Amino acid sequence: MKATVSEDCIGCGLCESTCPEVFAIGDSGIAEPIVDEVPADAEDTAQEAADNCPVSAITVE
C-alpha cells in the first residue's frame, strides 16, 4: 500500500497522532508520508488516518 497526502491538507496532525509510522507534519506545516510503502502492520491505522482526516486529504491504496 502507498499513502499520499493532497494539497488540501490543513496540518491538523490527526494522521500523525493516529499513525506515526506513516505520517508526520513536515517543515511546510502539512502532513506528508514518511515511508514509500505502508508497512503491513500499519495498514489498518493508515487507513484509519485517511478515514478520519477532516478534509479528506489522505489516500491509502
PDB file of N, CA and C in Angstrom:
ATOM      1  N   MET A   1       0.837  -1.190   0.000  1.00  0.00           N
ATOM      2  CA  MET A   1       0.000   0.000   0.000  1.00  0.00           C
ATOM      3  C   MET A   1       0.876   1.246   0.000  1.00  0.00           C
ATOM      4  N   LYS A   2       0.320   2.279  -0.583  1.00  0.00           N
ATOM      5  CA  LYS A   2       1.017   3.556  -0.629  1.00  0.00           C
ATOM      6  C   LYS A   2       0.086   4.642  -0.091  1.00  0.00           C
ATOM      7  N   ALA A   3       0.635   5.550   0.695  1.00  0.00           N
ATOM      8  CA  ALA A   3      -0.146   6.659   1.251  1.00  0.00           C
ATOM      9  C   ALA A   3       0.267   7.957   0.561  1.00  0.00           C
ATOM     10  N   THR A   4      -0.712   8.788   0.270  1.00  0.00           N
ATOM     11  CA  THR A   4      -0.446  10.104  -0.288  1.00  0.00           C
ATOM     12  C   THR A   4      -1.260  11.141   0.471  1.00  0.00           C
ATOM     13  N   VAL A   5      -0.751  12.368   0.486  1.00  0.00           N
ATOM     14  CA  VAL A   5      -1.449  13.481   1.131  1.00  0.00           C
ATOM     15  C   VAL A   5      -1.588  14.583   0.085  1.00  0.00           C
ATOM     16  N   SER A   6      -2.802  15.044  -0.134  1.00  0.00           N
ATOM     17  CA  SER A   6      -3.045  16.077  -1.139  1.00  0.00           C
ATOM     18  C   SER A   6      -2.762  17.467  -0.587  1.00  0.00           C
ATOM     19  N   GLU A   7      -2.818  18.429  -1.487  1.00  0.00           N
ATOM     20  CA  GLU A   7      -2.600  19.833  -1.126  1.00  0.00           C
ATOM     21  C   GLU A   7      -3.722  20.397  -0.272  1.00  0.00           C
ATOM     22  N   ASP A   8      -4.794  19.626  -0.087  1.00  0.00           N
ATOM     23  CA  ASP A   8      -5.906  20.067   0.745  1.00  0.00           C
ATOM     24  C   ASP A   8      -5.597  19.967   2.241  1.00  0.00           C
ATOM     25  N   CYS A   9      -4.475  19.324   2.596  1.00  0.00           N
ATOM     26  CA  CYS A   9      -4.105  19.124   3.996  1.00  0.00           C
ATOM     27  C   CYS A   9      -4.057  20.461   4.739  1.00  0.00           C
ATOM     28  N   ILE A  10      -4.603  20.452   5.970  1.00  0.00           N
ATOM     29  CA  ILE A  10      -4.594  21.654   6.810  1.00  0.00           C
ATOM     30  C   ILE A  10      -3.591  21.546   7.961  1.00  0.00           C
ATOM     31  N   GLY A  11      -2.876  20.419   8.019  1.00  0.00           N
ATOM     32  CA  GLY A  11      -1.836  20.258   9.042  1.00  0.00           C
ATOM     33  C   GLY A  11      -2.357  20.103  10.451  1.00  0.00           C
ATOM     34  N   CYS A  12      -3.512  19.473  10.614  1.00  0.00           N
ATOM     35  CA  CYS A  12      -4.097  19.343  11.950  1.00  0.00           C
ATOM     36  C   CYS A  12      -3.350  18.341  12.824  1.00  0.00           C
ATOM     37  N   GLY A  13      -2.620  17.420  12.216  1.00  0.00           N
ATOM     38  CA  GLY A  13      -1.825  16.460  12.971  1.00  0.00           C
ATOM     39  C   GLY A  13      -2.548  15.186  13.359  1.00  0.00           C
ATOM     40  N   LEU A  14      -3.814  15.038  12.988  1.00  0.00           N
ATOM     41  CA  LEU A  14      -4.566  13.843  13.350  1.00  0.00           C
ATOM     42  C   LEU A  14      -3.921  12.589  12.758  1.00  0.00           C
ATOM     43  N   CYS A  15      -3.481  12.658  11.520  1.00  0.00           N
ATOM     44  CA  CYS A  15      -2.886  11.474  10.897  1.00  0.00           C
ATOM     45  C   CYS A  15      -1.593  11.082  11.599  1.00  0.00           C
ATOM     46  N   GLU A  16      -0.800  12.075  11.961  1.00  0.00           N
ATOM     47  CA  GLU A  16       0.460  11.799  12.654  1.00  0.00           C
ATOM     48  C   GLU A  16       0.204  11.157  14.017  1.00  0.00           C
ATOM     49  N   SER A  17      -0.818  11.606  14.724  1.00  0.00           N
ATOM     50  CA  SER A  17      -1.105  11.017  16.029  1.00  0.00           C
ATOM     51  C   SER A  17      -1.742   9.638  15.895  1.00  0.00           C
ATOM     52  N   THR A  18      -2.471   9.406  14.801  1.00  0.00           N
ATOM     53  CA  THR A  18      -3.102   8.110  14.569  1.00  0.00           C
ATOM     54  C   THR A  18      -2.112   7.079  14.063  1.00  0.00           C
ATOM     55  N   CYS A  19      -1.233   7.481  13.154  1.00  0.00           N
ATOM     56  CA  CYS A  19      -0.317   6.539  12.508  1.00  0.00           C
ATOM     57  C   CYS A  19       1.071   7.170  12.304  1.00  0.00           C
ATOM     58  N   PRO A  20       1.825   7.324  13.393  1.00  0.00           N
ATOM     59  CA  PRO A  20       3.142   7.970  13.274  1.00  0.00           C
ATOM     60  C   PRO A  20       4.164   7.142  12.499  1.00  0.00           C
ATOM     61  N   GLU A  21       3.852   5.881  12.240  1.00  0.00           N
ATOM     62  CA  GLU A  21       4.744   5.051  11.430  1.00  0.00           C
ATOM     63  C   GLU A  21       4.722   5.464   9.966  1.00  0.00           C
ATOM     64  N   VAL A  22       3.672   6.186   9.567  1.00  0.00           N
ATOM     65  CA  VAL A  22       3.488   6.539   8.154  1.00  0.00           C
ATOM     66  C   VAL A  22       3.464   8.049   7.912  1.00  0.00           C
ATOM     67  N   PHE A  23       2.891   8.818   8.842  1.00  0.00           N
ATOM     68  CA  PHE A  23       2.698  10.252   8.607  1.00  0.00           C
ATOM     69  C   PHE A  23       3.436  11.117   9.618  1.00  0.00           C
ATOM     70  N   ALA A  24       3.867  12.284   9.142  1.00  0.00           N
ATOM     71  CA  ALA A  24       4.474  13.293  10.011  1.00  0.00           C
ATOM     72  C   ALA A  24       4.132  14.661   9.436  1.00  0.00           C
ATOM     73  N   ILE A  25       4.115  15.656  10.314  1.00  0.00           N
ATOM     74  CA  ILE A  25       3.940  17.038   9.850  1.00  0.00           C
ATOM     75  C   ILE A  25       5.314  17.530   9.417  1.00  0.00           C
ATOM     76  N   GLY A  26       5.413  17.925   8.167  1.00  0.00           N
ATOM     77  CA  GLY A  26       6.687  18.358   7.610  1.00  0.00           C
ATOM     78  C   GLY A  26       7.009  19.805   7.932  1.00  0.00           C
ATOM     79  N   ASP A  27       8.148  20.247   7.444  1.00  0.00           N
ATOM     80  CA  ASP A  27       8.604  21.618   7.664  1.00  0.00           C
ATOM     81  C   ASP A  27       7.632  22.661   7.111  1.00  0.00           C
ATOM     82  N   SER A  28       6.854  22.260   6.105  1.00  0.00           N
ATOM     83  CA  SER A  28       5.899  23.189   5.499  1.00  0.00           C
ATOM     84  C   SER A  28       4.616  23.318   6.317  1.00  0.00           C
ATOM     85  N   GLY A  29       4.501  22.516   7.388  1.00  0.00           N
ATOM     86  CA  GLY A  29       3.335  22.608   8.247  1.00  0.00           C
ATOM     87  C   GLY A  29       2.181  21.723   7.848  1.00  0.00           C
ATOM     88  N   ILE A  30       2.373  20.921   6.805  1.00  0.00           N
ATOM     89  CA  ILE A  30       1.337  19.986   6.398  1.00  0.00           C
ATOM     90  C   ILE A  30       1.870  18.563   6.495  1.00  0.00           C
ATOM     91  N   ALA A  31       0.950  17.617   6.528  1.00  0.00           N
ATOM     92  CA  ALA A  31       1.326  16.210   6.669  1.00  0.00           C
ATOM     93  C   ALA A  31       1.988  15.695   5.401  1.00  0.00           C
ATOM     94  N   GLU A  32       2.842  14.696   5.616  1.00  0.00           N
ATOM     95  CA  GLU A  32       3.464  14.015   4.491  1.00  0.00           C
ATOM     96  C   GLU A  32       3.742  12.571   4.903  1.00  0.00           C
ATOM     97  N   PRO A  33       3.669  11.661   3.924  1.00  0.00           N
ATOM     98  CA  PRO A  33       4.036  10.286   4.245  1.00  0.00           C
ATOM     99  C   PRO A  33       5.554  10.217   4.447  1.00  0.00           C
ATOM    100  N   ILE A  34       5.995   9.451   5.426  1.00  0.00           N
ATOM    101  CA  ILE A  34       7.424   9.357   5.713  1.00  0.00           C
ATOM    102  C   ILE A  34       8.005   8.014   5.271  1.00  0.00           C
ATOM    103  N   VAL A  35       7.181   7.198   4.623  1.00  0.00           N
ATOM    104  CA  VAL A  35       7.632   5.916   4.071  1.00  0.00           C
ATOM    105  C   VAL A  35       7.123   5.800   2.636  1.00  0.00           C
ATOM    106  N   ASP A  36       7.861   5.057   1.817  1.00  0.00           N
ATOM    107  CA  ASP A  36       7.412   4.842   0.436  1.00  0.00           C
ATOM    108  C   ASP A  36       6.249   3.861   0.372  1.00  0.00           C
ATOM    109  N   GLU A  37       6.327   2.826   1.188  1.00  0.00           N
ATOM    110  CA  GLU A  37       5.274   1.822   1.254  1.00  0.00           C
ATOM    111  C   GLU A  37       4.791   1.715   2.700  1.00  0.00           C
ATOM    112  N   VAL A  38       3.491   1.628   2.888  1.00  0.00           N
ATOM    113  CA  VAL A  38       2.921   1.472   4.225  1.00  0.00           C
ATOM    114  C   VAL A  38       3.298   0.086   4.747  1.00  0.00           C
ATOM    115  N   PRO A  39       3.939   0.006   5.899  1.00  0.00           N
ATOM    116  CA  PRO A  39       4.272  -1.311   6.462  1.00  0.00           C
ATOM    117  C   PRO A  39       3.000  -2.122   6.708  1.00  0.00           C
ATOM    118  N   ALA A  40       3.088  -3.424   6.536  1.00  0.00           N
ATOM    119  CA  ALA A  40       1.920  -4.288   6.676  1.00  0.00           C
ATOM    120  C   ALA A  40       1.253  -4.129   8.040  1.00  0.00           C
ATOM    121  N   ASP A  41       2.052  -3.948   9.085  1.00  0.00           N
ATOM    122  CA  ASP A  41       1.466  -3.832  10.422  1.00  0.00           C
ATOM    123  C   ASP A  41       0.866  -2.449  10.695  1.00  0.00           C
ATOM    124  N   ALA A  42       0.995  -1.523   9.752  1.00  0.00           N
ATOM    125  CA  ALA A  42       0.428  -0.182   9.920  1.00  0.00           C
ATOM    126  C   ALA A  42      -0.703   0.095   8.926  1.00  0.00           C
ATOM    127  N   GLU A  43      -1.085  -0.894   8.136  1.00  0.00           N
ATOM    128  CA  GLU A  43      -2.111  -0.663   7.115  1.00  0.00           C
ATOM    129  C   GLU A  43      -3.445  -0.233   7.720  1.00  0.00           C
ATOM    130  N   ASP A  44      -3.848  -0.874   8.803  1.00  0.00           N
ATOM    131  CA  ASP A  44      -5.136  -0.524   9.416  1.00  0.00           C
ATOM    132  C   ASP A  44      -5.140   0.887   9.988  1.00  0.00           C
ATOM    133  N   THR A  45      -4.050   1.274  10.668  1.00  0.00           N
ATOM    134  CA  THR A  45      -4.018   2.620  11.246  1.00  0.00           C
ATOM    135  C   THR A  45      -3.826   3.686  10.172  1.00  0.00           C
ATOM    136  N   ALA A  46      -3.130   3.354   9.094  1.00  0.00           N
ATOM    137  CA  ALA A  46      -3.003   4.304   7.980  1.00  0.00           C
ATOM    138  C   ALA A  46      -4.377   4.547   7.354  1.00  0.00           C
ATOM    139  N   GLN A  47      -5.151   3.494   7.195  1.00  0.00           N
ATOM    140  CA  GLN A  47      -6.499   3.644   6.647  1.00  0.00           C
ATOM    141  C   GLN A  47      -7.385   4.417   7.610  1.00  0.00           C
ATOM    142  N   GLU A  48      -7.210   4.180   8.911  1.00  0.00           N
ATOM    143  CA  GLU A  48      -7.964   4.928   9.922  1.00  0.00           C
ATOM    144  C   GLU A  48      -7.644   6.422   9.830  1.00  0.00           C
ATOM    145  N   ALA A  49      -6.365   6.744   9.634  1.00  0.00           N
ATOM    146  CA  ALA A  49      -5.961   8.147   9.484  1.00  0.00           C
ATOM    147  C   ALA A  49      -6.631   8.765   8.260  1.00  0.00           C
ATOM    148  N   ALA A  50      -6.668   8.015   7.169  1.00  0.00           N
ATOM    149  CA  ALA A  50      -7.316   8.514   5.951  1.00  0.00           C
ATOM    150  C   ALA A  50      -8.814   8.709   6.175  1.00  0.00           C
ATOM    151  N   ASP A  51      -9.448   7.735   6.811  1.00  0.00           N
ATOM    152  CA  ASP A  51     -10.894   7.815   7.041  1.00  0.00           C
ATOM    153  C   ASP A  51     -11.271   8.971   7.958  1.00  0.00           C
ATOM    154  N   ASN A  52     -10.385   9.325   8.887  1.00  0.00           N
ATOM    155  CA  ASN A  52     -10.696  10.365   9.874  1.00  0.00           C
ATOM    156  C   ASN A  52     -10.149  11.745   9.514  1.00  0.00           C
ATOM    157  N   CYS A  53      -9.442  11.862   8.411  1.00  0.00           N
ATOM    158  CA  CYS A  53      -8.896  13.170   8.008  1.00  0.00           C
ATOM    159  C   CYS A  53     -10.063  14.143   7.807  1.00  0.00           C
ATOM    160  N   PRO A  54     -10.041  15.283   8.507  1.00  0.00           N
ATOM    161  CA  PRO A  54     -11.183  16.207   8.436  1.00  0.00           C
ATOM    162  C   PRO A  54     -11.386  16.856   7.070  1.00  0.00           C
ATOM    163  N   VAL A  55     -10.365  16.844   6.208  1.00  0.00           N
ATOM    164  CA  VAL A  55     -10.513  17.438   4.876  1.00  0.00           C
ATOM    165  C   VAL A  55     -10.310  16.409   3.769  1.00  0.00           C
ATOM    166  N   SER A  56     -10.311  15.124   4.133  1.00  0.00           N
ATOM    167  CA  SER A  56     -10.170  14.017   3.176  1.00  0.00           C
ATOM    168  C   SER A  56      -8.958  14.182   2.261  1.00  0.00           C
ATOM    169  N   ALA A  57      -7.832  14.584   2.870  1.00  0.00           N
ATOM    170  CA  ALA A  57      -6.615  14.828   2.095  1.00  0.00           C
ATOM    171  C   ALA A  57      -5.732  13.587   1.940  1.00  0.00           C
ATOM    172  N   ILE A  58      -6.065  12.501   2.607  1.00  0.00           N
ATOM    173  CA  ILE A  58      -5.225  11.310   2.614  1.00  0.00           C
ATOM    174  C   ILE A  58      -5.852  10.205   1.782  1.00  0.00           C
ATOM    175  N   THR A  59      -5.017   9.583   0.962  1.00  0.00           N
ATOM    176  CA  THR A  59      -5.420   8.415   0.198  1.00  0.00           C
ATOM    177  C   THR A  59      -4.461   7.291   0.534  1.00  0.00           C
ATOM    178  N   VAL A  60      -5.006   6.110   0.813  1.00  0.00           N
ATOM    179  CA  VAL A  60      -4.189   4.922   1.048  1.00  0.00           C
ATOM    180  C   VAL A  60      -4.676   3.864   0.072  1.00  0.00           C
ATOM    181  N   GLU A  61      -3.790   3.438  -0.821  1.00  0.00           N
ATOM    182  CA  GLU A  61      -4.150   2.440  -1.837  1.00  0.00           C
ATOM    183  C   GLU A  61      -3.089   1.374  -1.922  1.00  0.00           C
TER     184      GLU A  61
END
